[in-house]
N, C-alpha and C. Protein backbone atom coordinates (compact mmCIF):
# COMPACT_ATOMS: atom_id res chain seq x y z
N MET A 1 -132.55 111.95 -2.54
CA MET A 1 -132.17 110.90 -1.78
C MET A 1 -132.59 111.14 -0.30
N ARG A 2 -133.14 110.06 0.24
CA ARG A 2 -133.77 110.38 1.53
C ARG A 2 -132.67 110.35 2.66
N PRO A 3 -133.06 110.92 3.82
CA PRO A 3 -131.97 111.04 4.81
C PRO A 3 -131.70 109.73 5.43
N LEU A 4 -130.31 109.53 6.07
CA LEU A 4 -129.93 108.37 6.49
C LEU A 4 -130.87 108.10 7.63
N ALA A 5 -130.77 106.68 8.02
CA ALA A 5 -131.40 105.99 9.23
C ALA A 5 -133.03 106.03 9.03
N MET A 6 -133.27 106.13 7.70
CA MET A 6 -134.91 105.96 7.39
C MET A 6 -135.27 104.71 6.77
N THR A 7 -134.71 103.54 6.88
CA THR A 7 -134.82 102.41 6.08
C THR A 7 -136.31 101.73 6.42
N ALA A 8 -136.75 101.11 5.67
CA ALA A 8 -138.00 100.46 5.81
C ALA A 8 -137.88 99.35 6.81
N LEU A 9 -136.84 98.90 7.21
CA LEU A 9 -136.42 97.56 8.01
C LEU A 9 -136.94 97.92 9.51
N ASP A 10 -137.63 96.99 10.29
CA ASP A 10 -137.99 97.19 11.50
C ASP A 10 -136.56 96.70 12.49
N ALA A 11 -136.77 97.03 13.81
CA ALA A 11 -135.74 96.64 14.72
C ALA A 11 -135.40 95.20 14.63
N GLY A 12 -136.31 94.33 14.59
CA GLY A 12 -136.19 92.84 14.67
C GLY A 12 -135.50 92.46 13.29
N GLN A 13 -135.88 93.09 12.27
CA GLN A 13 -135.10 92.72 10.90
C GLN A 13 -133.55 93.08 10.99
N LEU A 14 -133.48 94.32 11.53
CA LEU A 14 -132.03 94.94 11.49
C LEU A 14 -131.13 94.02 12.44
N ALA A 15 -131.89 93.45 13.49
CA ALA A 15 -131.09 92.85 14.68
C ALA A 15 -130.70 91.22 13.94
N GLN A 16 -131.72 90.75 13.36
CA GLN A 16 -131.45 89.62 12.55
C GLN A 16 -130.31 89.56 11.69
N LEU A 17 -130.44 90.65 10.80
CA LEU A 17 -129.35 90.86 9.59
C LEU A 17 -128.02 91.10 10.25
N ARG A 18 -127.91 91.97 11.25
CA ARG A 18 -126.76 92.24 11.88
C ARG A 18 -126.21 90.96 12.50
N ALA A 19 -126.88 90.19 13.08
CA ALA A 19 -126.33 88.97 13.56
C ALA A 19 -125.90 87.80 12.71
N THR A 20 -126.54 87.85 11.46
CA THR A 20 -126.09 87.26 10.48
C THR A 20 -124.63 87.57 9.77
N LEU A 21 -124.48 89.11 9.66
CA LEU A 21 -123.14 89.46 9.23
C LEU A 21 -122.16 89.22 10.36
N GLU A 22 -122.36 89.42 11.52
CA GLU A 22 -121.63 89.24 12.60
C GLU A 22 -121.07 87.71 12.71
N ALA A 23 -122.00 86.68 12.46
CA ALA A 23 -121.57 85.34 12.40
C ALA A 23 -120.68 84.92 11.26
N ARG A 24 -121.12 85.56 10.27
CA ARG A 24 -120.14 85.25 8.89
C ARG A 24 -118.79 85.94 9.24
N LEU A 25 -118.66 87.10 9.82
CA LEU A 25 -117.29 87.78 10.00
C LEU A 25 -116.56 86.92 11.10
N ALA A 26 -117.27 86.51 12.06
CA ALA A 26 -116.71 85.69 13.10
C ALA A 26 -116.23 84.27 12.48
N ALA A 27 -117.00 83.75 11.56
CA ALA A 27 -116.65 82.46 10.99
C ALA A 27 -115.15 82.79 10.03
N LEU A 28 -115.22 83.85 9.39
CA LEU A 28 -114.07 84.11 8.52
C LEU A 28 -112.91 84.52 9.46
N SER A 29 -113.00 85.24 10.56
CA SER A 29 -111.98 85.66 11.27
C SER A 29 -111.34 84.34 12.06
N GLY A 30 -112.39 83.29 12.42
CA GLY A 30 -111.76 82.02 12.96
C GLY A 30 -110.91 81.32 12.03
N LEU A 31 -111.17 81.41 10.69
CA LEU A 31 -110.07 80.81 9.76
C LEU A 31 -108.73 81.56 9.82
N ASP A 32 -109.05 82.94 10.01
CA ASP A 32 -107.59 83.49 10.18
C ASP A 32 -106.80 83.17 11.58
N ASP A 33 -107.52 82.94 12.65
CA ASP A 33 -106.99 82.39 13.73
C ASP A 33 -106.33 81.15 13.60
N VAL A 34 -107.07 80.21 12.86
CA VAL A 34 -106.26 78.90 12.48
C VAL A 34 -105.05 79.01 11.93
N ARG A 35 -105.07 79.84 10.75
CA ARG A 35 -103.90 80.05 10.00
C ARG A 35 -102.72 80.67 10.79
N GLU A 36 -103.14 81.76 11.68
CA GLU A 36 -102.09 82.19 12.56
C GLU A 36 -101.46 81.24 13.63
N ALA A 37 -102.21 80.36 13.99
CA ALA A 37 -101.89 79.17 14.95
C ALA A 37 -100.72 78.24 14.28
N ALA A 38 -100.68 78.30 13.03
CA ALA A 38 -99.90 77.39 12.17
C ALA A 38 -98.35 77.59 12.44
N PRO A 39 -97.65 76.46 12.51
CA PRO A 39 -96.07 76.80 12.41
C PRO A 39 -95.66 77.79 11.57
N GLU A 40 -94.62 78.62 11.78
CA GLU A 40 -94.03 79.72 11.03
C GLU A 40 -94.03 79.26 9.46
N GLY A 41 -93.38 78.18 9.32
CA GLY A 41 -92.98 77.95 7.98
C GLY A 41 -94.31 77.57 7.09
N ALA A 42 -95.28 76.94 7.85
CA ALA A 42 -96.55 76.66 7.16
C ALA A 42 -97.35 77.80 6.70
N ARG A 43 -97.17 78.87 7.33
CA ARG A 43 -97.91 80.23 6.90
C ARG A 43 -97.64 80.72 5.53
N ASP A 44 -96.23 80.47 5.26
CA ASP A 44 -95.92 81.00 3.96
C ASP A 44 -96.68 80.50 2.77
N LEU A 45 -96.53 79.33 2.47
CA LEU A 45 -97.25 78.59 1.27
C LEU A 45 -97.84 77.37 1.92
N PRO A 46 -99.14 76.92 1.54
CA PRO A 46 -99.73 75.88 1.86
C PRO A 46 -99.12 74.60 1.51
N VAL A 47 -98.54 74.61 0.35
CA VAL A 47 -97.85 73.29 0.02
C VAL A 47 -96.34 73.82 -0.18
N PRO A 48 -95.49 73.12 0.53
CA PRO A 48 -94.09 73.67 0.57
C PRO A 48 -93.33 72.96 -0.71
N GLU A 49 -92.64 73.79 -1.40
CA GLU A 49 -91.92 73.43 -2.61
C GLU A 49 -90.77 72.66 -2.37
N VAL A 50 -90.74 71.40 -2.73
CA VAL A 50 -89.61 70.65 -2.54
C VAL A 50 -89.02 69.99 -4.02
N GLU A 51 -87.71 69.56 -3.89
CA GLU A 51 -87.29 69.02 -5.07
C GLU A 51 -87.85 67.74 -5.48
N THR A 52 -88.76 67.74 -6.63
CA THR A 52 -89.51 66.58 -7.14
C THR A 52 -89.65 66.75 -8.59
N SER A 53 -90.33 65.84 -9.23
CA SER A 53 -90.38 65.90 -10.57
C SER A 53 -91.02 67.03 -11.04
N PRO A 54 -90.87 67.49 -12.29
CA PRO A 54 -91.45 68.76 -13.07
C PRO A 54 -93.01 68.70 -12.81
N ALA A 55 -93.49 67.66 -12.93
CA ALA A 55 -95.07 67.46 -12.89
C ALA A 55 -95.57 67.80 -11.31
N ASP A 56 -94.72 67.17 -10.28
CA ASP A 56 -95.11 67.59 -9.01
C ASP A 56 -94.77 69.07 -8.63
N LYS A 57 -93.73 69.55 -9.19
CA LYS A 57 -93.72 70.95 -9.08
C LYS A 57 -94.81 71.78 -9.61
N ALA A 58 -95.17 71.64 -10.72
CA ALA A 58 -96.26 72.22 -11.18
C ALA A 58 -97.62 72.13 -10.57
N THR A 59 -97.72 71.10 -9.84
CA THR A 59 -99.04 70.80 -9.13
C THR A 59 -98.88 71.65 -7.93
N VAL A 60 -97.75 71.66 -7.29
CA VAL A 60 -97.54 72.36 -6.05
C VAL A 60 -97.68 73.88 -6.35
N ARG A 61 -97.13 74.36 -7.44
CA ARG A 61 -97.41 75.75 -7.59
C ARG A 61 -98.90 75.96 -7.96
N LEU A 62 -99.55 75.29 -8.64
CA LEU A 62 -101.03 75.40 -8.93
C LEU A 62 -101.65 75.50 -7.52
N LEU A 63 -101.43 74.42 -6.68
CA LEU A 63 -102.01 74.43 -5.20
C LEU A 63 -101.61 75.82 -4.63
N ASN A 64 -100.53 76.23 -4.54
CA ASN A 64 -100.15 77.45 -3.85
C ASN A 64 -101.01 78.59 -4.49
N ASP A 65 -100.88 78.99 -6.00
CA ASP A 65 -101.69 79.74 -6.45
C ASP A 65 -103.03 80.08 -6.14
N LEU A 66 -103.73 78.66 -6.10
CA LEU A 66 -105.07 78.58 -5.77
C LEU A 66 -105.38 79.06 -4.24
N ALA A 67 -104.49 78.59 -3.46
CA ALA A 67 -104.52 79.06 -1.90
C ALA A 67 -104.30 80.54 -1.74
N LEU A 68 -103.38 81.19 -2.62
CA LEU A 68 -103.22 82.57 -2.52
C LEU A 68 -104.36 83.38 -2.96
N GLU A 69 -105.02 82.75 -4.17
CA GLU A 69 -106.32 83.56 -4.62
C GLU A 69 -107.57 83.41 -3.60
N ALA A 70 -107.39 82.12 -2.95
CA ALA A 70 -108.60 82.04 -1.83
C ALA A 70 -108.39 82.87 -0.83
N ALA A 71 -107.10 83.13 -0.47
CA ALA A 71 -106.66 84.00 0.75
C ALA A 71 -107.16 85.50 0.28
N GLY A 72 -106.97 86.01 -0.92
CA GLY A 72 -107.36 87.12 -1.51
C GLY A 72 -108.74 87.38 -1.39
N ASN A 73 -109.60 86.40 -1.94
CA ASN A 73 -111.02 86.29 -1.86
C ASN A 73 -111.59 86.40 -0.30
N HIS A 74 -110.84 85.84 0.60
CA HIS A 74 -111.27 85.72 2.05
C HIS A 74 -111.22 87.10 2.61
N ALA A 75 -109.89 87.83 2.34
CA ALA A 75 -109.70 89.19 2.84
C ALA A 75 -110.67 90.05 2.19
N ALA A 76 -111.15 89.90 0.84
CA ALA A 76 -112.24 90.74 0.35
C ALA A 76 -113.47 90.67 1.12
N GLN A 77 -113.82 89.35 1.26
CA GLN A 77 -115.09 88.93 1.99
C GLN A 77 -115.10 89.69 3.29
N ILE A 78 -113.97 89.74 4.13
CA ILE A 78 -114.05 90.28 5.59
C ILE A 78 -114.10 91.75 5.26
N GLN A 79 -113.65 92.33 4.28
CA GLN A 79 -113.73 93.72 4.18
C GLN A 79 -115.29 94.15 3.79
N VAL A 80 -115.75 93.35 2.85
CA VAL A 80 -117.17 93.71 2.44
C VAL A 80 -118.12 93.51 3.78
N LEU A 81 -117.83 92.41 4.68
CA LEU A 81 -118.78 92.27 5.78
C LEU A 81 -118.58 93.47 6.77
N ARG A 82 -117.29 93.81 6.88
CA ARG A 82 -117.09 94.98 8.08
C ARG A 82 -117.64 96.18 7.37
N HIS A 83 -117.56 96.52 5.99
CA HIS A 83 -118.44 97.74 5.48
C HIS A 83 -119.78 97.66 5.78
N ALA A 84 -120.42 96.65 5.63
CA ALA A 84 -121.81 96.27 5.87
C ALA A 84 -122.06 96.54 7.45
N LEU A 85 -121.37 96.21 8.26
CA LEU A 85 -121.45 96.31 9.66
C LEU A 85 -121.44 97.74 9.91
N ALA A 86 -120.48 98.39 9.61
CA ALA A 86 -120.22 99.88 9.49
C ALA A 86 -121.28 100.66 9.15
N LYS A 87 -122.29 100.28 8.29
CA LYS A 87 -123.34 100.90 7.95
C LYS A 87 -124.26 101.01 9.10
N PHE A 88 -124.49 99.99 9.98
CA PHE A 88 -125.25 99.93 11.06
C PHE A 88 -124.96 101.37 11.90
N GLU A 89 -123.61 101.42 12.13
CA GLU A 89 -123.24 102.51 13.18
C GLU A 89 -123.69 103.93 12.42
N ASP A 90 -123.58 104.14 11.19
CA ASP A 90 -124.06 105.37 10.64
C ASP A 90 -125.45 105.57 10.11
N GLY A 91 -126.28 104.48 10.40
CA GLY A 91 -127.76 104.31 10.02
C GLY A 91 -127.95 104.39 8.62
N SER A 92 -127.12 103.88 7.82
CA SER A 92 -127.18 103.74 6.37
C SER A 92 -127.66 102.23 6.00
N TYR A 93 -127.33 101.28 6.87
CA TYR A 93 -127.83 100.07 6.53
C TYR A 93 -129.18 99.78 5.77
N GLY A 94 -129.19 99.04 4.72
CA GLY A 94 -130.51 98.90 4.07
C GLY A 94 -130.87 99.91 3.22
N LEU A 95 -130.06 100.88 2.85
CA LEU A 95 -130.25 101.88 1.79
C LEU A 95 -129.17 101.77 0.67
N CYS A 96 -129.72 101.71 -0.44
CA CYS A 96 -128.81 101.68 -1.69
C CYS A 96 -127.77 102.83 -1.67
N GLU A 97 -126.55 102.31 -1.93
CA GLU A 97 -125.50 103.17 -1.95
C GLU A 97 -125.37 104.09 -3.30
N GLU A 98 -126.21 103.57 -4.26
CA GLU A 98 -126.47 104.23 -5.54
C GLU A 98 -127.41 105.29 -5.47
N CYS A 99 -128.70 104.84 -5.25
CA CYS A 99 -129.90 105.62 -5.62
C CYS A 99 -130.43 106.14 -4.15
N GLY A 100 -130.13 105.57 -2.83
CA GLY A 100 -130.60 105.92 -1.74
C GLY A 100 -131.89 105.34 -1.12
N ASN A 101 -132.54 104.49 -2.30
CA ASN A 101 -133.83 103.72 -2.08
C ASN A 101 -133.54 102.65 -1.02
N ASP A 102 -134.53 102.14 -0.46
CA ASP A 102 -134.50 100.88 0.39
C ASP A 102 -133.90 99.75 -0.42
N ILE A 103 -133.14 98.93 0.24
CA ILE A 103 -132.80 97.65 -0.24
C ILE A 103 -134.01 96.59 0.40
N GLY A 104 -134.50 95.94 -0.45
CA GLY A 104 -135.68 95.08 -0.04
C GLY A 104 -135.07 93.91 0.94
N TYR A 105 -135.98 93.80 2.05
CA TYR A 105 -135.63 92.65 3.16
C TYR A 105 -135.30 91.44 2.61
N SER A 106 -136.13 90.88 1.62
CA SER A 106 -135.83 89.50 0.95
C SER A 106 -134.37 89.55 0.38
N ARG A 107 -133.99 90.68 -0.23
CA ARG A 107 -132.69 90.67 -0.89
C ARG A 107 -131.68 90.65 0.30
N LEU A 108 -131.83 91.48 1.34
CA LEU A 108 -130.74 91.56 2.34
C LEU A 108 -130.86 90.16 3.18
N GLN A 109 -131.91 89.42 3.35
CA GLN A 109 -131.88 88.08 3.77
C GLN A 109 -130.86 87.05 3.04
N ALA A 110 -131.02 87.26 1.63
CA ALA A 110 -130.28 86.49 0.77
C ALA A 110 -128.82 86.96 0.71
N ARG A 111 -128.44 88.22 0.72
CA ARG A 111 -127.19 88.90 0.85
C ARG A 111 -127.24 90.13 1.70
N PRO A 112 -126.97 89.76 3.06
CA PRO A 112 -127.08 90.79 3.91
C PRO A 112 -125.98 91.89 3.77
N GLU A 113 -124.90 91.60 3.01
CA GLU A 113 -123.89 92.49 2.81
C GLU A 113 -124.19 93.45 1.49
N ALA A 114 -125.37 93.32 0.90
CA ALA A 114 -125.74 93.86 -0.36
C ALA A 114 -125.55 95.42 -0.26
N ARG A 115 -124.87 95.97 -1.32
CA ARG A 115 -124.86 97.46 -1.14
C ARG A 115 -125.74 98.26 -2.13
N LEU A 116 -126.49 97.61 -3.05
CA LEU A 116 -127.38 98.05 -4.10
C LEU A 116 -128.64 97.46 -3.95
N CYS A 117 -129.66 98.24 -4.39
CA CYS A 117 -130.77 97.65 -4.76
C CYS A 117 -130.88 96.97 -5.81
N ILE A 118 -131.93 96.10 -6.18
CA ILE A 118 -131.88 95.20 -7.34
C ILE A 118 -131.89 95.87 -8.51
N ALA A 119 -132.49 97.24 -8.71
CA ALA A 119 -132.64 97.92 -9.79
C ALA A 119 -131.18 98.64 -10.22
N CYS A 120 -130.38 98.91 -9.16
CA CYS A 120 -129.09 99.57 -9.30
C CYS A 120 -128.08 98.44 -9.52
N GLN A 121 -128.33 97.24 -8.94
CA GLN A 121 -127.25 96.16 -9.25
C GLN A 121 -127.59 95.65 -10.67
N THR A 122 -128.73 95.58 -11.08
CA THR A 122 -128.98 95.25 -12.52
C THR A 122 -128.38 95.93 -13.44
N ARG A 123 -128.52 97.42 -13.12
CA ARG A 123 -127.72 98.23 -14.00
C ARG A 123 -126.17 98.23 -13.98
N PHE A 124 -125.80 97.96 -12.76
CA PHE A 124 -124.19 97.77 -12.54
C PHE A 124 -123.92 96.58 -13.31
N GLU A 125 -124.62 95.41 -13.35
CA GLU A 125 -124.13 94.18 -13.87
C GLU A 125 -124.24 94.38 -15.47
N LYS A 126 -125.11 95.26 -16.06
CA LYS A 126 -125.26 95.24 -17.39
C LYS A 126 -124.06 96.15 -18.07
N ARG A 127 -123.37 96.96 -17.31
CA ARG A 127 -122.22 97.68 -17.76
C ARG A 127 -121.08 97.06 -18.10
């Protein structure tokens, strides 16, 4: 495994990728700000449950379940972006977390939060 801070990315590429990650994190954090600005009761469930027909209740429950799932996905995305940004601080951004080889620039352009090189990602997905 090569030492940290020895990626094949140049300073311009690193700056562009970091800006992309920061922009994505800011956009997701902006959604949190909108949610926190909502009135107290509206933060709990996206669609309040009221006495209605059984079909309407089922629809409301489904909408709330989908909203909770989306919120979990949202939180996971924020965590992934923060992890990628932290790798800039320790100099390991652009290195595969599995084998330590460089993650290609084209892969990082497509998925700047990528943790694995193509070969390790392929092995991971086959498991």
